């Protein structure tokens, strides 16, 4: 199961609600626990990968109008550096490689880079 960690409780609730709508078609259920969301994929029949989950998360963040600085991955946890609604956010958000710290704003480039480490 994949965990998504945010800084603010109100953003966690908004993201979970948006994810519930996005993930209903593939039968994955977001469960809220403190400031994290656990994606329960037990009814999916296969394990949901980080690579498959990230596009849903990015769309849900945009849909819920959650402002964030960056999204990064460590193991099976996706960290969203969310900010308060009044804070300035540098555009565009960056994705950071958990192995070497490489940063890019493009998701496709990020995944190609992560795969170059031979882990996925």
PDB file of N, CA and C in Angstrom:
ATOM      1  N   UNK A   1       0.838  -1.184   0.000  1.00  0.00           N
ATOM      2  CA  UNK A   1       0.000   0.000   0.000  1.00  0.00           C
ATOM      3  C   UNK A   1       0.883   1.247   0.000  1.00  0.00           C
ATOM      4  N   UNK A   2       0.435   2.230  -0.713  1.00  0.00           N
ATOM      5  CA  UNK A   2       1.174   3.480  -0.853  1.00  0.00           C
ATOM      6  C   UNK A   2       0.675   4.484   0.174  1.00  0.00           C
ATOM      7  N   UNK A   3       1.628   5.215   0.780  1.00  0.00           N
ATOM      8  CA  UNK A   3       1.276   6.288   1.715  1.00  0.00           C
ATOM      9  C   UNK A   3       1.558   7.623   1.051  1.00  0.00           C
ATOM     10  N   UNK A   4       0.696   8.604   1.344  1.00  0.00           N
ATOM     11  CA  UNK A   4       0.892   9.972   0.873  1.00  0.00           C
ATOM     12  C   UNK A   4       0.911  10.842   2.118  1.00  0.00           C
ATOM     13  N   UNK A   5       2.004  11.574   2.334  1.00  0.00           N
ATOM     14  CA  UNK A   5       2.118  12.418   3.522  1.00  0.00           C
ATOM     15  C   UNK A   5       2.087  13.890   3.127  1.00  0.00           C
ATOM     16  N   UNK A   6       1.253  14.659   3.833  1.00  0.00           N
ATOM     17  CA  UNK A   6       1.151  16.104   3.642  1.00  0.00           C
ATOM     18  C   UNK A   6       1.443  16.798   4.963  1.00  0.00           C
ATOM     19  N   UNK A   7       1.648  18.104   4.923  1.00  0.00           N
ATOM     20  CA  UNK A   7       1.937  18.883   6.127  1.00  0.00           C
ATOM     21  C   UNK A   7       0.675  19.339   6.851  1.00  0.00           C
ATOM     22  N   UNK A   8      -0.373  19.655   6.113  1.00  0.00           N
ATOM     23  CA  UNK A   8      -1.570  20.269   6.699  1.00  0.00           C
ATOM     24  C   UNK A   8      -2.780  19.339   6.620  1.00  0.00           C
ATOM     25  N   UNK A   9      -3.505  19.262   7.749  1.00  0.00           N
ATOM     26  CA  UNK A   9      -4.655  18.365   7.852  1.00  0.00           C
ATOM     27  C   UNK A   9      -5.747  18.711   6.840  1.00  0.00           C
ATOM     28  N   UNK A  10      -6.049  20.011   6.675  1.00  0.00           N
ATOM     29  CA  UNK A  10      -7.128  20.387   5.752  1.00  0.00           C
ATOM     30  C   UNK A  10      -6.789  19.997   4.314  1.00  0.00           C
ATOM     31  N   UNK A  11      -5.507  20.072   3.942  1.00  0.00           N
ATOM     32  CA  UNK A  11      -5.106  19.648   2.604  1.00  0.00           C
ATOM     33  C   UNK A  11      -5.197  18.128   2.461  1.00  0.00           C
ATOM     34  N   UNK A  12      -4.915  17.412   3.540  1.00  0.00           N
ATOM     35  CA  UNK A  12      -5.019  15.956   3.531  1.00  0.00           C
ATOM     36  C   UNK A  12      -6.458  15.527   3.262  1.00  0.00           C
ATOM     37  N   UNK A  13      -7.398  16.157   3.947  1.00  0.00           N
ATOM     38  CA  UNK A  13      -8.815  15.823   3.779  1.00  0.00           C
ATOM     39  C   UNK A  13      -9.275  16.157   2.356  1.00  0.00           C
ATOM     40  N   UNK A  14      -8.905  17.332   1.855  1.00  0.00           N
ATOM     41  CA  UNK A  14      -9.295  17.730   0.496  1.00  0.00           C
ATOM     42  C   UNK A  14      -8.718  16.790  -0.556  1.00  0.00           C
ATOM     43  N   UNK A  15      -7.442  16.420  -0.384  1.00  0.00           N
ATOM     44  CA  UNK A  15      -6.810  15.514  -1.346  1.00  0.00           C
ATOM     45  C   UNK A  15      -7.460  14.138  -1.298  1.00  0.00           C
ATOM     46  N   UNK A  16      -7.762  13.631  -0.106  1.00  0.00           N
ATOM     47  CA  UNK A  16      -8.389  12.315   0.023  1.00  0.00           C
ATOM     48  C   UNK A  16      -9.757  12.294  -0.664  1.00  0.00           C
ATOM     49  N   UNK A  17     -10.524  13.359  -0.512  1.00  0.00           N
ATOM     50  CA  UNK A  17     -11.839  13.434  -1.154  1.00  0.00           C
ATOM     51  C   UNK A  17     -11.698  13.428  -2.673  1.00  0.00           C
ATOM     52  N   UNK A  18     -10.745  14.191  -3.173  1.00  0.00           N
ATOM     53  CA  UNK A  18     -10.523  14.249  -4.607  1.00  0.00           C
ATOM     54  C   UNK A  18      -9.992  12.910  -5.137  1.00  0.00           C
ATOM     55  N   UNK A  19      -9.089  12.284  -4.377  1.00  0.00           N
ATOM     56  CA  UNK A  19      -8.567  10.974  -4.776  1.00  0.00           C
ATOM     57  C   UNK A  19      -9.657   9.909  -4.800  1.00  0.00           C
ATOM     58  N   UNK A  20     -10.601   9.985  -3.861  1.00  0.00           N
ATOM     59  CA  UNK A  20     -11.699   9.010  -3.826  1.00  0.00           C
ATOM     60  C   UNK A  20     -12.466   9.030  -5.151  1.00  0.00           C
ATOM     61  N   UNK A  21     -12.699  10.217  -5.689  1.00  0.00           N
ATOM     62  CA  UNK A  21     -13.386  10.338  -6.976  1.00  0.00           C
ATOM     63  C   UNK A  21     -12.514   9.817  -8.117  1.00  0.00           C
ATOM     64  N   UNK A  22     -11.228  10.197  -8.102  1.00  0.00           N
ATOM     65  CA  UNK A  22     -10.306   9.806  -9.174  1.00  0.00           C
ATOM     66  C   UNK A  22     -10.077   8.295  -9.203  1.00  0.00           C
ATOM     67  N   UNK A  23      -9.934   7.686  -8.027  1.00  0.00           N
ATOM     68  CA  UNK A  23      -9.550   6.284  -7.943  1.00  0.00           C
ATOM     69  C   UNK A  23     -10.728   5.309  -7.909  1.00  0.00           C
ATOM     70  N   UNK A  24     -11.948   5.816  -7.906  1.00  0.00           N
ATOM     71  CA  UNK A  24     -13.133   4.943  -7.844  1.00  0.00           C
ATOM     72  C   UNK A  24     -13.183   3.976  -9.018  1.00  0.00           C
ATOM     73  N   UNK A  25     -12.743   4.416 -10.175  1.00  0.00           N
ATOM     74  CA  UNK A  25     -12.811   3.568 -11.368  1.00  0.00           C
ATOM     75  C   UNK A  25     -11.883   2.359 -11.293  1.00  0.00           C
ATOM     76  N   UNK A  26     -10.791   2.458 -10.519  1.00  0.00           N
ATOM     77  CA  UNK A  26      -9.875   1.310 -10.407  1.00  0.00           C
ATOM     78  C   UNK A  26      -9.971   0.637  -9.038  1.00  0.00           C
ATOM     79  N   UNK A  27     -10.987   0.990  -8.264  1.00  0.00           N
ATOM     80  CA  UNK A  27     -11.303   0.357  -6.983  1.00  0.00           C
ATOM     81  C   UNK A  27     -10.186   0.464  -5.951  1.00  0.00           C
ATOM     82  N   UNK A  28      -9.558   1.635  -5.874  1.00  0.00           N
ATOM     83  CA  UNK A  28      -8.567   1.917  -4.840  1.00  0.00           C
ATOM     84  C   UNK A  28      -9.201   2.926  -3.887  1.00  0.00           C
ATOM     85  N   UNK A  29      -9.086   2.668  -2.588  1.00  0.00           N
ATOM     86  CA  UNK A  29      -9.752   3.497  -1.588  1.00  0.00           C
ATOM     87  C   UNK A  29      -8.716   4.280  -0.778  1.00  0.00           C
ATOM     88  N   UNK A  30      -8.827   5.621  -0.745  1.00  0.00           N
ATOM     89  CA  UNK A  30      -7.926   6.400   0.108  1.00  0.00           C
ATOM     90  C   UNK A  30      -8.430   6.408   1.556  1.00  0.00           C
ATOM     91  N   UNK A  31      -7.531   6.117   2.497  1.00  0.00           N
ATOM     92  CA  UNK A  31      -7.871   6.096   3.915  1.00  0.00           C
ATOM     93  C   UNK A  31      -7.032   7.163   4.611  1.00  0.00           C
ATOM     94  N   UNK A  32      -7.677   8.037   5.404  1.00  0.00           N
ATOM     95  CA  UNK A  32      -6.967   9.118   6.095  1.00  0.00           C
ATOM     96  C   UNK A  32      -6.533   8.653   7.480  1.00  0.00           C
ATOM     97  N   UNK A  33      -5.266   8.936   7.805  1.00  0.00           N
ATOM     98  CA  UNK A  33      -4.729   8.675   9.139  1.00  0.00           C
ATOM     99  C   UNK A  33      -3.796   9.843   9.463  1.00  0.00           C
ATOM    100  N   UNK A  34      -4.240  10.720  10.385  1.00  0.00           N
ATOM    101  CA  UNK A  34      -3.511  11.947  10.731  1.00  0.00           C
ATOM    102  C   UNK A  34      -3.270  12.777   9.475  1.00  0.00           C
ATOM    103  N   UNK A  35      -2.014  13.095   9.153  1.00  0.00           N
ATOM    104  CA  UNK A  35      -1.718  13.890   7.960  1.00  0.00           C
ATOM    105  C   UNK A  35      -1.220  13.016   6.819  1.00  0.00           C
ATOM    106  N   UNK A  36      -1.684  11.769   6.770  1.00  0.00           N
ATOM    107  CA  UNK A  36      -1.288  10.912   5.666  1.00  0.00           C
ATOM    108  C   UNK A  36      -2.496  10.168   5.108  1.00  0.00           C
ATOM    109  N   UNK A  37      -2.359   9.808   3.864  1.00  0.00           N
ATOM    110  CA  UNK A  37      -3.396   9.063   3.168  1.00  0.00           C
ATOM    111  C   UNK A  37      -2.790   7.721   2.772  1.00  0.00           C
ATOM    112  N   UNK A  38      -3.482   6.647   3.065  1.00  0.00           N
ATOM    113  CA  UNK A  38      -3.042   5.323   2.658  1.00  0.00           C
ATOM    114  C   UNK A  38      -3.953   4.867   1.533  1.00  0.00           C
ATOM    115  N   UNK A  39      -3.365   4.472   0.419  1.00  0.00           N
ATOM    116  CA  UNK A  39      -4.143   4.000  -0.721  1.00  0.00           C
ATOM    117  C   UNK A  39      -4.325   2.493  -0.592  1.00  0.00           C
ATOM    118  N   UNK A  40      -5.540   2.063  -0.248  1.00  0.00           N
ATOM    119  CA  UNK A  40      -5.859   0.652  -0.063  1.00  0.00           C
ATOM    120  C   UNK A  40      -6.187   0.034  -1.418  1.00  0.00           C
ATOM    121  N   UNK A  41      -5.267  -0.776  -1.923  1.00  0.00           N
ATOM    122  CA  UNK A  41      -5.445  -1.401  -3.232  1.00  0.00           C
ATOM    123  C   UNK A  41      -5.812  -2.884  -3.127  1.00  0.00           C
ATOM    124  N   UNK A  42      -6.298  -3.315  -1.965  1.00  0.00           N
ATOM    125  CA  UNK A  42      -6.603  -4.737  -1.751  1.00  0.00           C
ATOM    126  C   UNK A  42      -7.719  -5.247  -2.666  1.00  0.00           C
ATOM    127  N   UNK A  43      -8.639  -4.401  -3.089  1.00  0.00           N
ATOM    128  CA  UNK A  43      -9.720  -4.843  -3.978  1.00  0.00           C
ATOM    129  C   UNK A  43      -9.342  -4.720  -5.455  1.00  0.00           C
ATOM    130  N   UNK A  44      -8.150  -4.209  -5.729  1.00  0.00           N
ATOM    131  CA  UNK A  44      -7.700  -4.013  -7.105  1.00  0.00           C
ATOM    132  C   UNK A  44      -7.282  -5.323  -7.769  1.00  0.00           C
ATOM    133  N   UNK A  45      -6.774  -6.265  -6.988  1.00  0.00           N
ATOM    134  CA  UNK A  45      -6.320  -7.523  -7.560  1.00  0.00           C
ATOM    135  C   UNK A  45      -4.835  -7.528  -7.850  1.00  0.00           C
ATOM    136  N   UNK A  46      -4.212  -6.364  -7.902  1.00  0.00           N
ATOM    137  CA  UNK A  46      -2.764  -6.238  -8.064  1.00  0.00           C
ATOM    138  C   UNK A  46      -2.311  -5.039  -7.243  1.00  0.00           C
ATOM    139  N   UNK A  47      -1.029  -4.941  -7.020  1.00  0.00           N
ATOM    140  CA  UNK A  47      -0.505  -3.838  -6.227  1.00  0.00           C
ATOM    141  C   UNK A  47      -0.368  -2.589  -7.092  1.00  0.00           C
ATOM    142  N   UNK A  48      -0.878  -1.476  -6.598  1.00  0.00           N
ATOM    143  CA  UNK A  48      -0.754  -0.193  -7.283  1.00  0.00           C
ATOM    144  C   UNK A  48       0.676   0.307  -7.101  1.00  0.00           C
ATOM    145  N   UNK A  49       1.348   0.652  -8.191  1.00  0.00           N
ATOM    146  CA  UNK A  49       2.728   1.135  -8.104  1.00  0.00           C
ATOM    147  C   UNK A  49       2.749   2.650  -7.919  1.00  0.00           C
ATOM    148  N   UNK A  50       3.875   3.134  -7.443  1.00  0.00           N
ATOM    149  CA  UNK A  50       4.080   4.583  -7.287  1.00  0.00           C
ATOM    150  C   UNK A  50       3.905   5.259  -8.644  1.00  0.00           C
ATOM    151  N   UNK A  51       4.460   4.627  -9.673  1.00  0.00           N
ATOM    152  CA  UNK A  51       4.394   5.175 -11.028  1.00  0.00           C
ATOM    153  C   UNK A  51       2.951   5.346 -11.501  1.00  0.00           C
ATOM    154  N   UNK A  52       2.086   4.407 -11.150  1.00  0.00           N
ATOM    155  CA  UNK A  52       0.674   4.483 -11.528  1.00  0.00           C
ATOM    156  C   UNK A  52      -0.082   5.492 -10.665  1.00  0.00           C
ATOM    157  N   UNK A  53       0.320   5.644  -9.409  1.00  0.00           N
ATOM    158  CA  UNK A  53      -0.398   6.511  -8.469  1.00  0.00           C
ATOM    159  C   UNK A  53      -0.108   7.996  -8.678  1.00  0.00           C
ATOM    160  N   UNK A  54       1.110   8.343  -9.070  1.00  0.00           N
ATOM    161  CA  UNK A  54       1.487   9.758  -9.172  1.00  0.00           C
ATOM    162  C   UNK A  54       0.588  10.598 -10.082  1.00  0.00           C
ATOM    163  N   UNK A  55       0.223  10.136 -11.277  1.00  0.00           N
ATOM    164  CA  UNK A  55      -0.673  10.963 -12.107  1.00  0.00           C
ATOM    165  C   UNK A  55      -2.017  11.245 -11.430  1.00  0.00           C
ATOM    166  N   UNK A  56      -2.561  10.240 -10.716  1.00  0.00           N
ATOM    167  CA  UNK A  56      -3.812  10.451  -9.977  1.00  0.00           C
ATOM    168  C   UNK A  56      -3.630  11.511  -8.893  1.00  0.00           C
ATOM    169  N   UNK A  57      -2.513  11.451  -8.207  1.00  0.00           N
ATOM    170  CA  UNK A  57      -2.239  12.399  -7.114  1.00  0.00           C
ATOM    171  C   UNK A  57      -2.081  13.806  -7.650  1.00  0.00           C
ATOM    172  N   UNK A  58      -1.327  13.963  -8.735  1.00  0.00           N
ATOM    173  CA  UNK A  58      -1.129  15.305  -9.316  1.00  0.00           C
ATOM    174  C   UNK A  58      -2.453  15.901  -9.791  1.00  0.00           C
ATOM    175  N   UNK A  59      -3.291  15.085 -10.465  1.00  0.00           N
ATOM    176  CA  UNK A  59      -4.599  15.568 -10.911  1.00  0.00           C
ATOM    177  C   UNK A  59      -5.473  15.947  -9.725  1.00  0.00           C
ATOM    178  N   UNK A  60      -5.440  15.132  -8.680  1.00  0.00           N
ATOM    179  CA  UNK A  60      -6.258  15.399  -7.495  1.00  0.00           C
ATOM    180  C   UNK A  60      -5.793  16.645  -6.762  1.00  0.00           C
ATOM    181  N   UNK A  61      -4.498  16.891  -6.727  1.00  0.00           N
ATOM    182  CA  UNK A  61      -3.981  18.117  -6.109  1.00  0.00           C
ATOM    183  C   UNK A  61      -4.475  19.343  -6.875  1.00  0.00           C
ATOM    184  N   UNK A  62      -4.438  19.271  -8.200  1.00  0.00           N
ATOM    185  CA  UNK A  62      -4.929  20.383  -9.020  1.00  0.00           C
ATOM    186  C   UNK A  62      -6.430  20.563  -8.834  1.00  0.00           C
ATOM    187  N   UNK A  63      -7.165  19.448  -8.843  1.00  0.00           N
ATOM    188  CA  UNK A  63      -8.626  19.493  -8.710  1.00  0.00           C
ATOM    189  C   UNK A  63      -9.048  20.066  -7.358  1.00  0.00           C
ATOM    190  N   UNK A  64      -8.327  19.712  -6.295  1.00  0.00           N
ATOM    191  CA  UNK A  64      -8.671  20.201  -4.957  1.00  0.00           C
ATOM    192  C   UNK A  64      -8.048  21.568  -4.667  1.00  0.00           C
ATOM    193  N   UNK A  65      -7.328  22.103  -5.664  1.00  0.00           N
ATOM    194  CA  UNK A  65      -6.691  23.420  -5.552  1.00  0.00           C
ATOM    195  C   UNK A  65      -5.723  23.496  -4.364  1.00  0.00           C
ATOM    196  N   UNK A  66      -5.030  22.383  -4.114  1.00  0.00           N
ATOM    197  CA  UNK A  66      -4.029  22.332  -3.057  1.00  0.00           C
ATOM    198  C   UNK A  66      -2.711  22.867  -3.606  1.00  0.00           C
ATOM    199  N   UNK A  67      -2.177  23.878  -2.954  1.00  0.00           N
ATOM    200  CA  UNK A  67      -0.899  24.449  -3.381  1.00  0.00           C
ATOM    201  C   UNK A  67       0.224  23.653  -2.737  1.00  0.00           C
ATOM    202  N   UNK A  68       1.281  23.402  -3.524  1.00  0.00           N
ATOM    203  CA  UNK A  68       2.402  22.633  -3.007  1.00  0.00           C
ATOM    204  C   UNK A  68       3.697  23.077  -3.675  1.00  0.00           C
ATOM    205  N   UNK A  69       4.793  22.861  -2.951  1.00  0.00           N
ATOM    206  CA  UNK A  69       6.112  23.219  -3.478  1.00  0.00           C
ATOM    207  C   UNK A  69       6.679  22.103  -4.345  1.00  0.00           C
ATOM    208  N   UNK A  70       6.606  20.870  -3.856  1.00  0.00           N
ATOM    209  CA  UNK A  70       7.171  19.757  -4.601  1.00  0.00           C
ATOM    210  C   UNK A  70       6.538  18.445  -4.144  1.00  0.00           C
ATOM    211  N   UNK A  71       6.769  17.422  -4.954  1.00  0.00           N
ATOM    212  CA  UNK A  71       6.361  16.059  -4.638  1.00  0.00           C
ATOM    213  C   UNK A  71       7.616  15.214  -4.760  1.00  0.00           C
ATOM    214  N   UNK A  72       7.895  14.388  -3.744  1.00  0.00           N
ATOM    215  CA  UNK A  72       9.025  13.477  -3.859  1.00  0.00           C
ATOM    216  C   UNK A  72       8.671  12.124  -3.267  1.00  0.00           C
ATOM    217  N   UNK A  73       9.431  11.119  -3.669  1.00  0.00           N
ATOM    218  CA  UNK A  73       9.136   9.742  -3.307  1.00  0.00           C
ATOM    219  C   UNK A  73      10.310   9.161  -2.528  1.00  0.00           C
ATOM    220  N   UNK A  74       9.986   8.476  -1.431  1.00  0.00           N
ATOM    221  CA  UNK A  74      10.978   7.699  -0.675  1.00  0.00           C
ATOM    222  C   UNK A  74      10.343   6.352  -0.374  1.00  0.00           C
ATOM    223  N   UNK A  75      10.854   5.316  -0.989  1.00  0.00           N
ATOM    224  CA  UNK A  75      10.295   3.975  -0.794  1.00  0.00           C
ATOM    225  C   UNK A  75       8.870   3.911  -1.316  1.00  0.00           C
ATOM    226  N   UNK A  76       7.946   3.527  -0.450  1.00  0.00           N
ATOM    227  CA  UNK A  76       6.529   3.425  -0.808  1.00  0.00           C
ATOM    228  C   UNK A  76       5.729   4.632  -0.306  1.00  0.00           C
ATOM    229  N   UNK A  77       6.417   5.730   0.026  1.00  0.00           N
ATOM    230  CA  UNK A  77       5.748   6.926   0.535  1.00  0.00           C
ATOM    231  C   UNK A  77       5.956   8.092  -0.423  1.00  0.00           C
ATOM    232  N   UNK A  78       4.856   8.775  -0.726  1.00  0.00           N
ATOM    233  CA  UNK A  78       4.903   9.980  -1.561  1.00  0.00           C
ATOM    234  C   UNK A  78       4.720  11.164  -0.628  1.00  0.00           C
ATOM    235  N   UNK A  79       5.670  12.078  -0.636  1.00  0.00           N
ATOM    236  CA  UNK A  79       5.615  13.267   0.205  1.00  0.00           C
ATOM    237  C   UNK A  79       5.182  14.463  -0.641  1.00  0.00           C
ATOM    238  N   UNK A  80       4.184  15.190  -0.144  1.00  0.00           N
ATOM    239  CA  UNK A  80       3.712  16.400  -0.808  1.00  0.00           C
ATOM    240  C   UNK A  80       4.020  17.556   0.130  1.00  0.00           C
ATOM    241  N   UNK A  81       4.894  18.448  -0.295  1.00  0.00           N
ATOM    242  CA  UNK A  81       5.230  19.636   0.506  1.00  0.00           C
ATOM    243  C   UNK A  81       4.162  20.695   0.240  1.00  0.00           C
ATOM    244  N   UNK A  82       3.032  20.563   0.930  1.00  0.00           N
ATOM    245  CA  UNK A  82       1.921  21.487   0.722  1.00  0.00           C
ATOM    246  C   UNK A  82       2.140  22.764   1.530  1.00  0.00           C
ATOM    247  N   UNK A  83       1.504  23.839   1.076  1.00  0.00           N
ATOM    248  CA  UNK A  83       1.638  25.149   1.708  1.00  0.00           C
ATOM    249  C   UNK A  83       0.260  25.705   2.020  1.00  0.00           C
ATOM    250  N   UNK A  84       0.226  26.720   2.875  1.00  0.00           N
ATOM    251  CA  UNK A  84      -1.042  27.393   3.160  1.00  0.00           C
ATOM    252  C   UNK A  84      -1.497  28.154   1.933  1.00  0.00           C
ATOM    253  N   UNK A  85      -2.783  28.416   1.851  1.00  0.00           N
ATOM    254  CA  UNK A  85      -3.342  29.055   0.655  1.00  0.00           C
ATOM    255  C   UNK A  85      -2.767  30.443   0.398  1.00  0.00           C
ATOM    256  N   UNK A  86      -2.326  31.150   1.429  1.00  0.00           N
ATOM    257  CA  UNK A  86      -1.789  32.498   1.249  1.00  0.00           C
ATOM    258  C   UNK A  86      -0.321  32.536   0.890  1.00  0.00           C
ATOM    259  N   UNK A  87       0.396  31.427   1.055  1.00  0.00           N
ATOM    260  CA  UNK A  87       1.831  31.388   0.777  1.00  0.00           C
ATOM    261  C   UNK A  87       2.102  31.393  -0.716  1.00  0.00           C
ATOM    262  N   UNK A  88       3.228  31.991  -1.083  1.00  0.00           N
ATOM    263  CA  UNK A  88       3.664  31.976  -2.473  1.00  0.00           C
ATOM    264  C   UNK A  88       4.231  30.605  -2.801  1.00  0.00           C
ATOM    265  N   UNK A  89       3.926  30.127  -3.984  1.00  0.00           N
ATOM    266  CA  UNK A  89       4.436  28.840  -4.430  1.00  0.00           C
ATOM    267  C   UNK A  89       5.278  29.079  -5.673  1.00  0.00           C
ATOM    268  N   UNK A  90       6.502  28.553  -5.665  1.00  0.00           N
ATOM    269  CA  UNK A  90       7.333  28.698  -6.854  1.00  0.00           C
ATOM    270  C   UNK A  90       6.786  27.776  -7.935  1.00  0.00           C
ATOM    271  N   UNK A  91       6.602  28.303  -9.100  1.00  0.00           N
ATOM    272  CA  UNK A  91       6.054  27.530 -10.209  1.00  0.00           C
ATOM    273  C   UNK A  91       7.178  27.099 -11.118  1.00  0.00           C
ATOM    274  N   UNK A  92       7.140  25.969 -11.674  1.00  0.00           N
ATOM    275  CA  UNK A  92       6.307  24.812 -11.406  1.00  0.00           C
ATOM    276  C   UNK A  92       6.886  23.969 -10.265  1.00  0.00           C
ATOM    277  N   UNK A  93       6.098  23.069  -9.690  1.00  0.00           N
ATOM    278  CA  UNK A  93       6.608  22.209  -8.623  1.00  0.00           C
ATOM    279  C   UNK A  93       7.658  21.240  -9.183  1.00  0.00           C
ATOM    280  N   UNK A  94       8.626  20.884  -8.356  1.00  0.00           N
ATOM    281  CA  UNK A  94       9.702  20.007  -8.792  1.00  0.00           C
ATOM    282  C   UNK A  94       9.532  18.596  -8.240  1.00  0.00           C
ATOM    283  N   UNK A  95      10.011  17.634  -9.008  1.00  0.00           N
ATOM    284  CA  UNK A  95      10.056  16.235  -8.571  1.00  0.00           C
ATOM    285  C   UNK A  95      11.524  15.910  -8.296  1.00  0.00           C
ATOM    286  N   UNK A  96      11.808  15.297  -7.136  1.00  0.00           N
ATOM    287  CA  UNK A  96      13.182  15.013  -6.731  1.00  0.00           C
ATOM    288  C   UNK A  96      13.449  13.516  -6.734  1.00  0.00           C
ATOM    289  N   UNK A  97      14.591  13.115  -7.273  1.00  0.00           N
ATOM    290  CA  UNK A  97      15.006  11.715  -7.272  1.00  0.00           C
ATOM    291  C   UNK A  97      15.406  11.325  -5.848  1.00  0.00           C
ATOM    292  N   UNK A  98      14.833  10.233  -5.314  1.00  0.00           N
ATOM    293  CA  UNK A  98      15.169   9.825  -3.957  1.00  0.00           C
ATOM    294  C   UNK A  98      16.562   9.203  -3.843  1.00  0.00           C
ATOM    295  N   UNK A  99      17.198   8.902  -4.970  1.00  0.00           N
ATOM    296  CA  UNK A  99      18.506   8.251  -4.948  1.00  0.00           C
ATOM    297  C   UNK A  99      19.675   9.230  -5.044  1.00  0.00           C
ATOM    298  N   UNK A 100      19.510  10.297  -5.832  1.00  0.00           N
ATOM    299  CA  UNK A 100      20.650  11.204  -6.020  1.00  0.00           C
ATOM    300  C   UNK A 100      20.286  12.681  -5.872  1.00  0.00           C
ATOM    301  N   UNK A 101      18.997  12.999  -5.719  1.00  0.00           N
ATOM    302  CA  UNK A 101      18.597  14.388  -5.541  1.00  0.00           C
ATOM    303  C   UNK A 101      18.331  15.148  -6.828  1.00  0.00           C
ATOM    304  N   UNK A 102      18.448  14.489  -7.974  1.00  0.00           N
ATOM    305  CA  UNK A 102      18.143  15.134  -9.249  1.00  0.00           C
ATOM    306  C   UNK A 102      16.730  15.716  -9.216  1.00  0.00           C
ATOM    307  N   UNK A 103      16.544  16.929  -9.731  1.00  0.00           N
ATOM    308  CA  UNK A 103      15.237  17.583  -9.706  1.00  0.00           C
ATOM    309  C   UNK A 103      14.808  17.974 -11.113  1.00  0.00           C
ATOM    310  N   UNK A 104      13.525  17.794 -11.404  1.00  0.00           N
ATOM    311  CA  UNK A 104      12.954  18.213 -12.677  1.00  0.00           C
ATOM    312  C   UNK A 104      11.486  18.564 -12.468  1.00  0.00           C
ATOM    313  N   UNK A 105      10.962  19.398 -13.344  1.00  0.00           N
ATOM    314  CA  UNK A 105       9.545  19.745 -13.260  1.00  0.00           C
ATOM    315  C   UNK A 105       8.700  18.823 -14.131  1.00  0.00           C
ATOM    316  N   UNK A 106       9.330  17.993 -14.936  1.00  0.00           N
ATOM    317  CA  UNK A 106       8.609  17.147 -15.873  1.00  0.00           C
ATOM    318  C   UNK A 106       8.535  15.711 -15.362  1.00  0.00           C
ATOM    319  N   UNK A 107       7.317  15.194 -15.220  1.00  0.00           N
ATOM    320  CA  UNK A 107       7.119  13.859 -14.657  1.00  0.00           C
ATOM    321  C   UNK A 107       7.740  12.766 -15.531  1.00  0.00           C
ATOM    322  N   UNK A 108       7.625  12.884 -16.848  1.00  0.00           N
ATOM    323  CA  UNK A 108       8.172  11.878 -17.752  1.00  0.00           C
ATOM    324  C   UNK A 108       9.689  11.798 -17.612  1.00  0.00           C
ATOM    325  N   UNK A 109      10.344  12.960 -17.565  1.00  0.00           N
ATOM    326  CA  UNK A 109      11.797  13.023 -17.412  1.00  0.00           C
ATOM    327  C   UNK A 109      12.200  12.431 -16.067  1.00  0.00           C
ATOM    328  N   UNK A 110      11.409  12.710 -15.033  1.00  0.00           N
ATOM    329  CA  UNK A 110      11.676  12.184 -13.694  1.00  0.00           C
ATOM    330  C   UNK A 110      11.695  10.662 -13.711  1.00  0.00           C
ATOM    331  N   UNK A 111      10.666  10.040 -14.312  1.00  0.00           N
ATOM    332  CA  UNK A 111      10.584   8.578 -14.304  1.00  0.00           C
ATOM    333  C   UNK A 111      11.686   7.944 -15.135  1.00  0.00           C
ATOM    334  N   UNK A 112      12.048   8.553 -16.243  1.00  0.00           N
ATOM    335  CA  UNK A 112      13.168   8.042 -17.043  1.00  0.00           C
ATOM    336  C   UNK A 112      14.445   8.085 -16.212  1.00  0.00           C
ATOM    337  N   UNK A 113      14.638   9.193 -15.487  1.00  0.00           N
ATOM    338  CA  UNK A 113      15.822   9.328 -14.637  1.00  0.00           C
ATOM    339  C   UNK A 113      15.833   8.268 -13.526  1.00  0.00           C
ATOM    340  N   UNK A 114      14.704   8.104 -12.820  1.00  0.00           N
ATOM    341  CA  UNK A 114      14.637   7.133 -11.718  1.00  0.00           C
ATOM    342  C   UNK A 114      14.917   5.730 -12.250  1.00  0.00           C
ATOM    343  N   UNK A 115      14.370   5.406 -13.415  1.00  0.00           N
ATOM    344  CA  UNK A 115      14.609   4.085 -14.016  1.00  0.00           C
ATOM    345  C   UNK A 115      16.071   3.884 -14.362  1.00  0.00           C
ATOM    346  N   UNK A 116      16.794   4.971 -14.646  1.00  0.00           N
ATOM    347  CA  UNK A 116      18.214   4.851 -14.963  1.00  0.00           C
ATOM    348  C   UNK A 116      19.041   4.343 -13.778  1.00  0.00           C
ATOM    349  N   UNK A 117      18.486   4.455 -12.568  1.00  0.00           N
ATOM    350  CA  UNK A 117      19.162   3.903 -11.394  1.00  0.00           C
ATOM    351  C   UNK A 117      18.989   2.386 -11.322  1.00  0.00           C
ATOM    352  N   UNK A 118      18.127   1.828 -12.186  1.00  0.00           N
ATOM    353  CA  UNK A 118      17.922   0.395 -12.250  1.00  0.00           C
ATOM    354  C   UNK A 118      17.078  -0.180 -11.133  1.00  0.00           C
ATOM    355  N   UNK A 119      16.219   0.650 -10.527  1.00  0.00           N
ATOM    356  CA  UNK A 119      15.428   0.208  -9.393  1.00  0.00           C
ATOM    357  C   UNK A 119      14.019  -0.185  -9.800  1.00  0.00           C
ATOM    358  N   UNK A 120      13.459   0.460 -10.786  1.00  0.00           N
ATOM    359  CA  UNK A 120      12.067   0.203 -11.175  1.00  0.00           C
ATOM    360  C   UNK A 120      12.040  -0.625 -12.438  1.00  0.00           C
TER     361      UNK A 120
END
